[in-house]
Amino acid sequence: MSLVQPGVMGIVNVTPDSFYDGGRHADAASAIAWGRRLIAEGADVLDVGGESSRPGAEPVGLDEELRRVLPVVAALAADARRAGGVRVSIDTMKPEVAAAAIEAGATMVNDVACRCAEVAAAHGAALVVMHLQGTPQTMQDDPRYADVVAEVYSFLADAAGAARAAGVEEVFVDPGIGFGKTAAHNLALLRALPELVSAGQPVIVGASRKAFLGRLAAPPGAPPLPADERLEASIAVAVHCLRAGAAMVRVHDVAATAQATRLLLREPARPPAMAG
């Protein structure tokens, strides 16, 4: 097996209501300190978000989202420049937030609603386009697909093509694990990940600590594991994604994922066959 050097995107949620770490870094000082820790732990990208996209999350107004993210982006962008090789991403559904964050130093837009291609193109930023069925408020009500792999991958091909047509030079695609998908849908997409990778666009996958992992990793007959007990499952999925050729995994646990990535890249060659 051979891998190009994959990346680890560390999550910096400047929110009170994200599903795993909501409230832990809701003020700018705490979020900046967290981002600096992720740089030290080996993050290649810091993904700063000021509006939760968990199932059922309520929208955040433009002014409030800007208030949350801009000081964090500005401080971490300065740290990223000093670190070298680290970049800051803005995780948003709003083009206005994307534009302001780029002005503050972000060089990537994690566009979970596919609304920011023109902004990314105008500023020369990288763009992540993600598949989402419905909205965060409705996406897990009753997600259905005739063929989840075909439908999601067709959507991403169209979204990436539209982004390139708008002038974006660096486009990533994200199948949107957990965004309007059941556990069965998520597993189907993860199994078919090599197919998405083979389409040619660099792939980002974010499955870290998500609820379907808690259900799948729980012992038979036991209740789902809570978010703070899903580390091992998250690492297992991250390794699967990297082995399948993903360019980057988006995670809460940077140190553990970076360690797993280093070991994966150093995987020893198969021993020679024994002479008969």
C-alpha atoms as a PDB file:
ATOM      1  CA  MET A   1       0.000   0.000   0.000  1.00  0.00           C
ATOM      2  CA  SER A   2       1.197   3.513  -0.737  1.00  0.00           C
ATOM      3  CA  LEU A   3      -0.239   6.758   0.586  1.00  0.00           C
ATOM      4  CA  VAL A   4       0.391  10.373  -0.191  1.00  0.00           C
ATOM      5  CA  GLN A   5       0.846  12.390   2.978  1.00  0.00           C
ATOM      6  CA  PRO A   6      -2.693  12.845   4.333  1.00  0.00           C
ATOM      7  CA  GLY A   7      -3.748  15.708   6.546  1.00  0.00           C
ATOM      8  CA  VAL A   8      -5.454  16.036   9.918  1.00  0.00           C
ATOM      9  CA  MET A   9      -8.031  18.803  10.292  1.00  0.00           C
ATOM     10  CA  GLY A  10      -8.585  19.758  13.920  1.00  0.00           C
ATOM     11  CA  ILE A  11     -11.989  21.024  15.024  1.00  0.00           C
ATOM     12  CA  VAL A  12     -12.256  24.364  16.844  1.00  0.00           C
ATOM     13  CA  ASN A  13     -15.902  24.848  17.792  1.00  0.00           C
ATOM     14  CA  VAL A  14     -16.563  28.368  19.081  1.00  0.00           C
ATOM     15  CA  THR A  15     -20.092  27.374  20.034  1.00  0.00           C
ATOM     16  CA  PRO A  16     -22.156  26.593  23.132  1.00  0.00           C
ATOM     17  CA  ASP A  17     -24.070  23.708  21.510  1.00  0.00           C
ATOM     18  CA  SER A  18     -21.882  21.493  19.331  1.00  0.00           C
ATOM     19  CA  PHE A  19     -22.644  17.818  19.949  1.00  0.00           C
ATOM     20  CA  TYR A  20     -19.319  16.803  21.531  1.00  0.00           C
ATOM     21  CA  ASP A  21     -17.420  19.855  22.761  1.00  0.00           C
ATOM     22  CA  GLY A  22     -20.080  22.546  22.749  1.00  0.00           C
ATOM     23  CA  GLY A  23     -19.307  25.176  25.365  1.00  0.00           C
ATOM     24  CA  ARG A  24     -15.765  24.011  26.088  1.00  0.00           C
ATOM     25  CA  HIS A  25     -14.270  26.653  23.791  1.00  0.00           C
ATOM     26  CA  ALA A  26     -17.192  29.040  23.392  1.00  0.00           C
ATOM     27  CA  ASP A  27     -15.179  32.146  24.301  1.00  0.00           C
ATOM     28  CA  ALA A  28     -12.402  33.452  22.077  1.00  0.00           C
ATOM     29  CA  ALA A  29      -9.571  32.989  24.584  1.00  0.00           C
ATOM     30  CA  SER A  30     -10.434  29.332  25.189  1.00  0.00           C
ATOM     31  CA  ALA A  31     -10.880  28.624  21.477  1.00  0.00           C
ATOM     32  CA  ILE A  32      -7.536  30.244  20.628  1.00  0.00           C
ATOM     33  CA  ALA A  33      -5.790  28.225  23.334  1.00  0.00           C
ATOM     34  CA  TRP A  34      -7.425  25.062  22.002  1.00  0.00           C
ATOM     35  CA  GLY A  35      -6.347  25.838  18.445  1.00  0.00           C
ATOM     36  CA  ARG A  36      -2.765  26.399  19.589  1.00  0.00           C
ATOM     37  CA  ARG A  37      -2.845  23.047  21.352  1.00  0.00           C
ATOM     38  CA  LEU A  38      -4.048  21.375  18.144  1.00  0.00           C
ATOM     39  CA  ILE A  39      -1.170  22.931  16.200  1.00  0.00           C
ATOM     40  CA  ALA A  40       1.258  21.520  18.763  1.00  0.00           C
ATOM     41  CA  GLU A  41      -0.439  18.110  18.491  1.00  0.00           C
ATOM     42  CA  GLY A  42       0.079  17.980  14.740  1.00  0.00           C
ATOM     43  CA  ALA A  43      -2.964  19.520  13.068  1.00  0.00           C
ATOM     44  CA  ASP A  44      -2.454  20.486   9.439  1.00  0.00           C
ATOM     45  CA  VAL A  45      -5.661  22.544   9.322  1.00  0.00           C
ATOM     46  CA  LEU A  46      -7.666  24.262  12.065  1.00  0.00           C
ATOM     47  CA  ASP A  47     -11.371  24.317  11.198  1.00  0.00           C
ATOM     48  CA  VAL A  48     -12.998  27.190  13.098  1.00  0.00           C
ATOM     49  CA  GLY A  49     -16.784  27.219  13.350  1.00  0.00           C
ATOM     50  CA  GLY A  50     -19.213  29.511  15.120  1.00  0.00           C
ATOM     51  CA  GLU A  51     -22.500  27.794  14.264  1.00  0.00           C
ATOM     52  CA  SER A  52     -23.232  24.210  15.232  1.00  0.00           C
ATOM     53  CA  SER A  53     -24.386  21.899  12.437  1.00  0.00           C
ATOM     54  CA  ARG A  54     -25.365  19.044  14.767  1.00  0.00           C
ATOM     55  CA  PRO A  55     -28.822  17.512  14.220  1.00  0.00           C
ATOM     56  CA  GLY A  56     -31.474  19.897  15.507  1.00  0.00           C
ATOM     57  CA  ALA A  57     -29.130  22.841  15.970  1.00  0.00           C
ATOM     58  CA  GLU A  58     -30.719  26.275  15.752  1.00  0.00           C
ATOM     59  CA  PRO A  59     -29.354  28.817  13.272  1.00  0.00           C
ATOM     60  CA  VAL A  60     -27.048  31.572  14.504  1.00  0.00           C
ATOM     61  CA  GLY A  61     -27.417  35.150  13.303  1.00  0.00           C
ATOM     62  CA  LEU A  62     -24.760  36.683  11.087  1.00  0.00           C
ATOM     63  CA  ASP A  63     -23.504  39.232  13.616  1.00  0.00           C
ATOM     64  CA  GLU A  64     -23.219  36.629  16.366  1.00  0.00           C
ATOM     65  CA  GLU A  65     -21.349  34.170  14.167  1.00  0.00           C
ATOM     66  CA  LEU A  66     -18.916  36.875  13.107  1.00  0.00           C
ATOM     67  CA  ARG A  67     -18.415  37.894  16.742  1.00  0.00           C
ATOM     68  CA  ARG A  68     -17.564  34.328  17.671  1.00  0.00           C
ATOM     69  CA  VAL A  69     -15.167  33.397  14.900  1.00  0.00           C
ATOM     70  CA  LEU A  70     -13.282  36.462  13.677  1.00  0.00           C
ATOM     71  CA  PRO A  71     -10.961  36.998  16.679  1.00  0.00           C
ATOM     72  CA  VAL A  72     -10.245  33.266  16.774  1.00  0.00           C
ATOM     73  CA  VAL A  73      -9.476  33.071  13.067  1.00  0.00           C
ATOM     74  CA  ALA A  74      -7.223  36.124  13.214  1.00  0.00           C
ATOM     75  CA  ALA A  75      -5.198  34.855  16.180  1.00  0.00           C
ATOM     76  CA  LEU A  76      -4.865  31.299  14.893  1.00  0.00           C
ATOM     77  CA  ALA A  77      -3.985  32.443  11.380  1.00  0.00           C
ATOM     78  CA  ALA A  78      -1.045  34.363  12.849  1.00  0.00           C
ATOM     79  CA  ASP A  79      -0.003  31.269  14.814  1.00  0.00           C
ATOM     80  CA  ALA A  80      -0.400  29.089  11.716  1.00  0.00           C
ATOM     81  CA  ARG A  81       1.870  31.362   9.706  1.00  0.00           C
ATOM     82  CA  ARG A  82       4.519  31.145  12.413  1.00  0.00           C
ATOM     83  CA  ALA A  83       4.168  27.360  12.574  1.00  0.00           C
ATOM     84  CA  GLY A  84       4.545  27.003   8.819  1.00  0.00           C
ATOM     85  CA  GLY A  85       2.564  24.473   6.818  1.00  0.00           C
ATOM     86  CA  VAL A  86      -0.592  24.957   8.916  1.00  0.00           C
ATOM     87  CA  ARG A  87      -3.684  26.663   7.581  1.00  0.00           C
ATOM     88  CA  VAL A  88      -6.947  27.942   9.037  1.00  0.00           C
ATOM     89  CA  SER A  89     -10.348  26.976   7.645  1.00  0.00           C
ATOM     90  CA  ILE A  90     -13.691  28.642   8.336  1.00  0.00           C
ATOM     91  CA  ASP A  91     -16.599  26.240   8.825  1.00  0.00           C
ATOM     92  CA  THR A  92     -19.732  28.147   7.862  1.00  0.00           C
ATOM     93  CA  MET A  93     -22.948  28.202   5.848  1.00  0.00           C
ATOM     94  CA  LYS A  94     -22.793  31.960   5.256  1.00  0.00           C
ATOM     95  CA  PRO A  95     -20.822  33.585   2.409  1.00  0.00           C
ATOM     96  CA  GLU A  96     -20.515  36.773   4.479  1.00  0.00           C
ATOM     97  CA  VAL A  97     -18.778  34.868   7.284  1.00  0.00           C
ATOM     98  CA  ALA A  98     -16.521  33.103   4.795  1.00  0.00           C
ATOM     99  CA  ALA A  99     -15.457  36.403   3.237  1.00  0.00           C
ATOM    100  CA  ALA A 100     -14.769  38.069   6.597  1.00  0.00           C
ATOM    101  CA  ALA A 101     -12.827  35.054   7.857  1.00  0.00           C
ATOM    102  CA  ILE A 102     -10.652  35.012   4.748  1.00  0.00           C
ATOM    103  CA  GLU A 103      -9.920  38.694   5.295  1.00  0.00           C
ATOM    104  CA  ALA A 104      -8.914  37.747   8.854  1.00  0.00           C
ATOM    105  CA  GLY A 105      -6.468  35.113   7.628  1.00  0.00           C
ATOM    106  CA  ALA A 106      -8.347  31.902   6.758  1.00  0.00           C
ATOM    107  CA  THR A 107      -7.222  30.218   3.549  1.00  0.00           C
ATOM    108  CA  MET A 108      -9.901  27.534   3.308  1.00  0.00           C
ATOM    109  CA  VAL A 109     -13.711  27.527   3.468  1.00  0.00           C
ATOM    110  CA  ASN A 110     -15.479  24.432   4.794  1.00  0.00           C
ATOM    111  CA  ASP A 111     -18.730  25.053   2.928  1.00  0.00           C
ATOM    112  CA  VAL A 112     -21.240  22.694   4.510  1.00  0.00           C
ATOM    113  CA  ALA A 113     -24.158  24.216   2.579  1.00  0.00           C
ATOM    114  CA  CYS A 114     -22.396  24.729  -0.800  1.00  0.00           C
ATOM    115  CA  ARG A 115     -23.031  28.488  -0.877  1.00  0.00           C
ATOM    116  CA  CYS A 116     -19.519  29.905  -0.796  1.00  0.00           C
ATOM    117  CA  ALA A 117     -17.856  29.034  -4.107  1.00  0.00           C
ATOM    118  CA  GLU A 118     -17.909  32.605  -5.427  1.00  0.00           C
ATOM    119  CA  VAL A 119     -16.390  33.928  -2.200  1.00  0.00           C
ATOM    120  CA  ALA A 120     -13.623  31.323  -2.241  1.00  0.00           C
ATOM    121  CA  ALA A 121     -12.901  32.057  -5.899  1.00  0.00           C
ATOM    122  CA  ALA A 122     -12.786  35.817  -5.378  1.00  0.00           C
ATOM    123  CA  HIS A 123     -10.271  35.470  -2.539  1.00  0.00           C
ATOM    124  CA  GLY A 124      -8.177  32.584  -3.877  1.00  0.00           C
ATOM    125  CA  ALA A 125      -9.177  30.294  -0.995  1.00  0.00           C
ATOM    126  CA  ALA A 126      -9.527  26.534  -1.009  1.00  0.00           C
ATOM    127  CA  LEU A 127     -13.070  25.177  -0.772  1.00  0.00           C
ATOM    128  CA  VAL A 128     -14.608  22.065   0.766  1.00  0.00           C
ATOM    129  CA  VAL A 129     -17.997  21.134  -0.723  1.00  0.00           C
ATOM    130  CA  MET A 130     -20.082  18.760   1.382  1.00  0.00           C
ATOM    131  CA  HIS A 131     -23.228  16.736   0.812  1.00  0.00           C
ATOM    132  CA  LEU A 132     -26.112  17.545   3.155  1.00  0.00           C
ATOM    133  CA  GLN A 133     -29.676  16.287   2.822  1.00  0.00           C
ATOM    134  CA  GLY A 134     -32.070  18.812   4.349  1.00  0.00           C
ATOM    135  CA  THR A 135     -30.867  21.251   7.010  1.00  0.00           C
ATOM    136  CA  PRO A 136     -29.306  20.696  10.445  1.00  0.00           C
ATOM    137  CA  GLN A 137     -32.802  21.138  11.857  1.00  0.00           C
ATOM    138  CA  THR A 138     -34.364  18.405   9.671  1.00  0.00           C
ATOM    139  CA  MET A 139     -31.558  16.250   8.293  1.00  0.00           C
ATOM    140  CA  GLN A 140     -31.995  13.290  10.642  1.00  0.00           C
ATOM    141  CA  ASP A 141     -35.807  13.209  10.634  1.00  0.00           C
ATOM    142  CA  ASP A 142     -36.115  10.467   8.003  1.00  0.00           C
ATOM    143  CA  PRO A 143     -33.223  10.505   5.493  1.00  0.00           C
ATOM    144  CA  ARG A 144     -33.880   8.360   2.418  1.00  0.00           C
ATOM    145  CA  TYR A 145     -32.002   7.534  -0.773  1.00  0.00           C
ATOM    146  CA  ALA A 146     -32.604   5.175  -3.667  1.00  0.00           C
ATOM    147  CA  ASP A 147     -28.816   4.676  -3.857  1.00  0.00           C
ATOM    148  CA  VAL A 148     -26.932   6.715  -1.284  1.00  0.00           C
ATOM    149  CA  VAL A 149     -23.498   6.204  -2.846  1.00  0.00           C
ATOM    150  CA  ALA A 150     -24.584   7.125  -6.364  1.00  0.00           C
ATOM    151  CA  GLU A 151     -26.631  10.118  -5.217  1.00  0.00           C
ATOM    152  CA  VAL A 152     -24.025  11.570  -2.875  1.00  0.00           C
ATOM    153  CA  TYR A 153     -21.161  11.081  -5.298  1.00  0.00           C
ATOM    154  CA  SER A 154     -23.147  12.600  -8.181  1.00  0.00           C
ATOM    155  CA  PHE A 155     -23.948  15.623  -6.016  1.00  0.00           C
ATOM    156  CA  LEU A 156     -20.296  16.081  -5.086  1.00  0.00           C
ATOM    157  CA  ALA A 157     -19.161  15.806  -8.694  1.00  0.00           C
ATOM    158  CA  ASP A 158     -21.637  18.529  -9.661  1.00  0.00           C
ATOM    159  CA  ALA A 159     -20.711  20.738  -6.691  1.00  0.00           C
ATOM    160  CA  ALA A 160     -16.991  20.402  -7.370  1.00  0.00           C
ATOM    161  CA  GLY A 161     -17.546  21.148 -11.046  1.00  0.00           C
ATOM    162  CA  ALA A 162     -19.556  24.247 -10.200  1.00  0.00           C
ATOM    163  CA  ALA A 163     -16.840  25.430  -7.824  1.00  0.00           C
ATOM    164  CA  ARG A 164     -14.169  25.010 -10.452  1.00  0.00           C
ATOM    165  CA  ALA A 165     -16.352  26.789 -12.991  1.00  0.00           C
ATOM    166  CA  ALA A 166     -16.679  29.667 -10.519  1.00  0.00           C
ATOM    167  CA  GLY A 167     -12.892  29.914 -10.407  1.00  0.00           C
ATOM    168  CA  VAL A 168     -11.935  27.932  -7.295  1.00  0.00           C
ATOM    169  CA  GLU A 169      -8.580  26.270  -7.933  1.00  0.00           C
ATOM    170  CA  GLU A 170      -8.365  24.015  -4.854  1.00  0.00           C
ATOM    171  CA  VAL A 171     -11.548  21.996  -4.280  1.00  0.00           C
ATOM    172  CA  PHE A 172     -12.100  19.202  -1.752  1.00  0.00           C
ATOM    173  CA  VAL A 173     -15.192  16.994  -1.493  1.00  0.00           C
ATOM    174  CA  ASP A 174     -16.807  15.679   1.696  1.00  0.00           C
ATOM    175  CA  PRO A 175     -19.518  12.968   1.640  1.00  0.00           C
ATOM    176  CA  GLY A 176     -21.101  14.482   4.751  1.00  0.00           C
ATOM    177  CA  ILE A 177     -21.100  11.512   7.105  1.00  0.00           C
ATOM    178  CA  GLY A 178     -24.046  11.938   9.472  1.00  0.00           C
ATOM    179  CA  PHE A 179     -25.528  14.869   7.574  1.00  0.00           C
ATOM    180  CA  GLY A 180     -28.889  13.496   6.515  1.00  0.00           C
ATOM    181  CA  LYS A 181     -27.794   9.861   6.675  1.00  0.00           C
ATOM    182  CA  THR A 182     -28.622   6.820   8.755  1.00  0.00           C
ATOM    183  CA  ALA A 183     -25.937   4.540  10.146  1.00  0.00           C
ATOM    184  CA  ALA A 184     -26.475   2.240   7.150  1.00  0.00           C
ATOM    185  CA  HIS A 185     -26.012   5.177   4.763  1.00  0.00           C
ATOM    186  CA  ASN A 186     -22.817   6.206   6.548  1.00  0.00           C
ATOM    187  CA  LEU A 187     -21.387   2.696   6.351  1.00  0.00           C
ATOM    188  CA  ALA A 188     -22.231   2.410   2.661  1.00  0.00           C
ATOM    189  CA  LEU A 189     -20.411   5.671   1.947  1.00  0.00           C
ATOM    190  CA  LEU A 190     -17.387   4.634   3.996  1.00  0.00           C
ATOM    191  CA  ARG A 191     -17.172   1.277   2.235  1.00  0.00           C
ATOM    192  CA  ALA A 192     -17.372   2.981  -1.162  1.00  0.00           C
ATOM    193  CA  LEU A 193     -14.834   5.677  -0.307  1.00  0.00           C
ATOM    194  CA  PRO A 194     -12.224   4.369  -2.786  1.00  0.00           C
ATOM    195  CA  GLU A 195     -14.771   5.044  -5.538  1.00  0.00           C
ATOM    196  CA  LEU A 196     -15.035   8.687  -4.500  1.00  0.00           C
ATOM    197  CA  VAL A 197     -11.256   8.999  -4.206  1.00  0.00           C
ATOM    198  CA  SER A 198     -10.834   7.566  -7.695  1.00  0.00           C
ATOM    199  CA  ALA A 199     -12.954  10.392  -9.142  1.00  0.00           C
ATOM    200  CA  GLY A 200      -9.925  12.643  -8.723  1.00  0.00           C
ATOM    201  CA  GLN A 201     -10.947  15.322  -6.228  1.00  0.00           C
ATOM    202  CA  PRO A 202      -9.190  15.244  -2.836  1.00  0.00           C
ATOM    203  CA  VAL A 203     -11.576  13.841  -0.225  1.00  0.00           C
ATOM    204  CA  ILE A 204     -12.151  15.015   3.347  1.00  0.00           C
ATOM    205  CA  VAL A 205     -14.115  12.829   5.767  1.00  0.00           C
ATOM    206  CA  GLY A 206     -15.514  13.907   9.135  1.00  0.00           C
ATOM    207  CA  ALA A 207     -16.864  11.041  11.234  1.00  0.00           C
ATOM    208  CA  SER A 208     -15.200  11.889  14.543  1.00  0.00           C
ATOM    209  CA  ARG A 209     -17.228  11.021  17.668  1.00  0.00           C
ATOM    210  CA  LYS A 210     -20.517  10.936  15.720  1.00  0.00           C
ATOM    211  CA  ALA A 211     -23.604   9.200  17.079  1.00  0.00           C
ATOM    212  CA  PHE A 212     -23.638   6.294  14.632  1.00  0.00           C
ATOM    213  CA  LEU A 213     -20.231   5.233  15.958  1.00  0.00           C
ATOM    214  CA  GLY A 214     -21.676   5.093  19.462  1.00  0.00           C
ATOM    215  CA  ARG A 215     -24.384   2.721  18.262  1.00  0.00           C
ATOM    216  CA  LEU A 216     -22.093   0.524  16.196  1.00  0.00           C
ATOM    217  CA  ALA A 217     -19.293   0.267  18.768  1.00  0.00           C
ATOM    218  CA  ALA A 218     -21.478  -0.527  21.777  1.00  0.00           C
ATOM    219  CA  PRO A 219     -21.425  -4.121  23.038  1.00  0.00           C
ATOM    220  CA  PRO A 220     -24.391  -6.261  21.912  1.00  0.00           C
ATOM    221  CA  GLY A 221     -27.512  -5.327  23.841  1.00  0.00           C
ATOM    222  CA  ALA A 222     -25.873  -2.292  25.458  1.00  0.00           C
ATOM    223  CA  PRO A 223     -26.986   1.292  24.949  1.00  0.00           C
ATOM    224  CA  PRO A 224     -25.036   3.468  22.502  1.00  0.00           C
ATOM    225  CA  LEU A 225     -21.718   4.766  23.730  1.00  0.00           C
ATOM    226  CA  PRO A 226     -21.783   8.459  24.660  1.00  0.00           C
ATOM    227  CA  ALA A 227     -19.662  10.905  22.682  1.00  0.00           C
ATOM    228  CA  ASP A 228     -16.824  10.863  25.213  1.00  0.00           C
ATOM    229  CA  GLU A 229     -16.429   7.070  24.775  1.00  0.00           C
ATOM    230  CA  ARG A 230     -16.138   7.052  20.975  1.00  0.00           C
ATOM    231  CA  LEU A 231     -12.408   7.739  20.580  1.00  0.00           C
ATOM    232  CA  GLU A 232     -11.400   4.228  19.533  1.00  0.00           C
ATOM    233  CA  ALA A 233     -14.209   4.002  16.993  1.00  0.00           C
ATOM    234  CA  SER A 234     -13.266   7.420  15.632  1.00  0.00           C
ATOM    235  CA  ILE A 235      -9.626   6.404  15.193  1.00  0.00           C
ATOM    236  CA  ALA A 236     -10.677   3.166  13.465  1.00  0.00           C
ATOM    237  CA  VAL A 237     -12.794   5.085  10.950  1.00  0.00           C
ATOM    238  CA  ALA A 238     -10.052   7.670  10.385  1.00  0.00           C
ATOM    239  CA  VAL A 239      -7.541   4.921   9.594  1.00  0.00           C
ATOM    240  CA  HIS A 240     -10.048   3.285   7.228  1.00  0.00           C
ATOM    241  CA  CYS A 241     -10.528   6.589   5.414  1.00  0.00           C
ATOM    242  CA  LEU A 242      -6.796   7.218   5.072  1.00  0.00           C
ATOM    243  CA  ARG A 243      -6.173   3.693   3.805  1.00  0.00           C
ATOM    244  CA  ALA A 244      -8.925   4.288   1.233  1.00  0.00           C
ATOM    245  CA  GLY A 245      -7.045   7.350  -0.012  1.00  0.00           C
ATOM    246  CA  ALA A 246      -8.754  10.274   1.749  1.00  0.00           C
ATOM    247  CA  ALA A 247      -6.677  13.437   1.647  1.00  0.00           C
ATOM    248  CA  MET A 248      -7.750  14.549   5.107  1.00  0.00           C
ATOM    249  CA  VAL A 249      -9.782  13.534   8.132  1.00  0.00           C
ATOM    250  CA  ARG A 250     -11.635  16.081  10.262  1.00  0.00           C
ATOM    251  CA  VAL A 251     -11.336  15.155  13.938  1.00  0.00           C
ATOM    252  CA  HIS A 252     -11.723  16.270  17.532  1.00  0.00           C
ATOM    253  CA  ASP A 253      -8.737  14.215  18.733  1.00  0.00           C
ATOM    254  CA  VAL A 254      -5.736  15.491  16.811  1.00  0.00           C
ATOM    255  CA  ALA A 255      -2.909  13.932  18.827  1.00  0.00           C
ATOM    256  CA  ALA A 256      -4.321  10.405  18.654  1.00  0.00           C
ATOM    257  CA  THR A 257      -5.242  10.707  14.978  1.00  0.00           C
ATOM    258  CA  ALA A 258      -1.871  12.186  14.039  1.00  0.00           C
ATOM    259  CA  GLN A 259      -0.141   9.307  15.819  1.00  0.00           C
ATOM    260  CA  ALA A 260      -2.288   6.761  13.973  1.00  0.00           C
ATOM    261  CA  THR A 261      -1.516   8.531  10.694  1.00  0.00           C
ATOM    262  CA  ARG A 262       2.228   8.399  11.313  1.00  0.00           C
ATOM    263  CA  LEU A 263       2.054   4.690  12.052  1.00  0.00           C
ATOM    264  CA  LEU A 264      -0.079   4.065   8.982  1.00  0.00           C
ATOM    265  CA  LEU A 265       2.402   5.831   6.742  1.00  0.00           C
ATOM    266  CA  ARG A 266       5.199   3.710   8.188  1.00  0.00           C
ATOM    267  CA  GLU A 267       3.329   0.446   7.698  1.00  0.00           C
ATOM    268  CA  PRO A 268       5.987  -2.186   6.967  1.00  0.00           C
ATOM    269  CA  ALA A 269       6.106  -3.954   3.647  1.00  0.00           C
ATOM    270  CA  ARG A 270       4.880  -7.520   3.483  1.00  0.00           C
ATOM    271  CA  PRO A 271       7.673  -9.977   4.372  1.00  0.00           C
ATOM    272  CA  PRO A 272       9.083 -11.944   1.453  1.00  0.00           C
ATOM    273  CA  ALA A 273       7.598 -15.356   0.872  1.00  0.00           C
ATOM    274  CA  MET A 274       9.481 -18.222   2.483  1.00  0.00           C
ATOM    275  CA  ALA A 275      11.521 -20.318   0.093  1.00  0.00           C
ATOM    276  CA  GLY A 276       9.943 -23.715  -0.409  1.00  0.00           C
END
